[in-house]
Amino acid sequence: MLGIGLPLFWGGMMGVVVTAIMFGVRKGKLRRLDDRMAYEKSRAVRWDPVGSRFVF
């Protein structure tokens, strides 16, 4: 049983590690994208419907 179970266990553990790394990289990219969009949005001129004026 160890001859079959041990390789399957290590394969599963490697899959967990690789998936965690890929998830972390993707999450970091999304965070940087959100930060960049917020920065660009804050510098743009936009209409404020509450105050009925342009906001810089």
Protein backbone atom coordinates (compact mmCIF):
# COMPACT_ATOMS: atom_id res chain seq x y z
CA MET A 1 0.00 0.00 0.00
CA LEU A 2 2.85 2.40 0.69
CA GLY A 3 4.12 1.87 -2.85
CA ILE A 4 0.89 3.31 -4.24
CA GLY A 5 -0.25 5.67 -1.51
CA LEU A 6 2.99 7.55 -0.93
CA PRO A 7 3.44 8.72 -4.56
CA LEU A 8 -0.21 9.75 -4.69
CA PHE A 9 0.19 11.67 -1.43
CA TRP A 10 3.29 13.52 -2.66
CA GLY A 11 1.63 14.29 -5.98
CA GLY A 12 -1.34 15.76 -4.15
CA MET A 13 0.89 17.81 -1.87
CA MET A 14 2.80 19.20 -4.86
CA GLY A 15 -0.51 20.11 -6.47
CA VAL A 16 -1.58 21.99 -3.35
CA VAL A 17 1.70 23.93 -3.23
CA VAL A 18 1.63 24.84 -6.93
CA THR A 19 -2.03 25.89 -6.74
CA ALA A 20 -1.36 28.07 -3.68
CA ILE A 21 1.51 29.82 -5.47
CA MET A 22 -0.59 30.40 -8.59
CA PHE A 23 -3.47 31.75 -6.49
CA GLY A 24 -1.14 34.13 -4.64
CA VAL A 25 0.34 35.47 -7.88
CA ARG A 26 -3.09 36.02 -9.40
CA LYS A 27 -4.35 37.75 -6.25
CA GLY A 28 -1.33 40.05 -6.27
CA LYS A 29 -1.91 40.96 -9.92
CA LEU A 30 -5.56 41.77 -9.22
CA ARG A 31 -4.58 43.89 -6.22
CA ARG A 32 -2.06 45.89 -8.27
CA LEU A 33 -4.64 46.33 -11.04
CA ASP A 34 -7.21 47.65 -8.54
CA ASP A 35 -4.65 50.03 -7.04
CA ARG A 36 -3.69 51.34 -10.46
CA MET A 37 -7.32 51.82 -11.47
CA ALA A 38 -8.09 53.69 -8.25
CA TYR A 39 -5.09 55.96 -8.80
CA GLU A 40 -6.04 56.70 -12.40
CA LYS A 41 -9.67 57.22 -11.46
CA SER A 42 -8.83 59.71 -8.73
CA ARG A 43 -6.90 61.93 -11.16
CA ALA A 44 -9.63 62.02 -13.81
CA VAL A 45 -12.28 64.68 -14.12
CA ARG A 46 -15.68 63.18 -13.40
CA TRP A 47 -19.19 64.38 -12.73
CA ASP A 48 -20.45 64.29 -9.15
CA PRO A 49 -24.24 63.84 -9.30
CA VAL A 50 -24.69 64.62 -5.58
CA GLY A 51 -22.97 68.00 -5.76
CA SER A 52 -23.92 68.67 -9.43
CA ARG A 53 -20.37 69.63 -10.30
CA PHE A 54 -17.13 68.32 -11.81
CA VAL A 55 -14.67 66.72 -9.42
CA PHE A 56 -10.94 66.48 -10.09
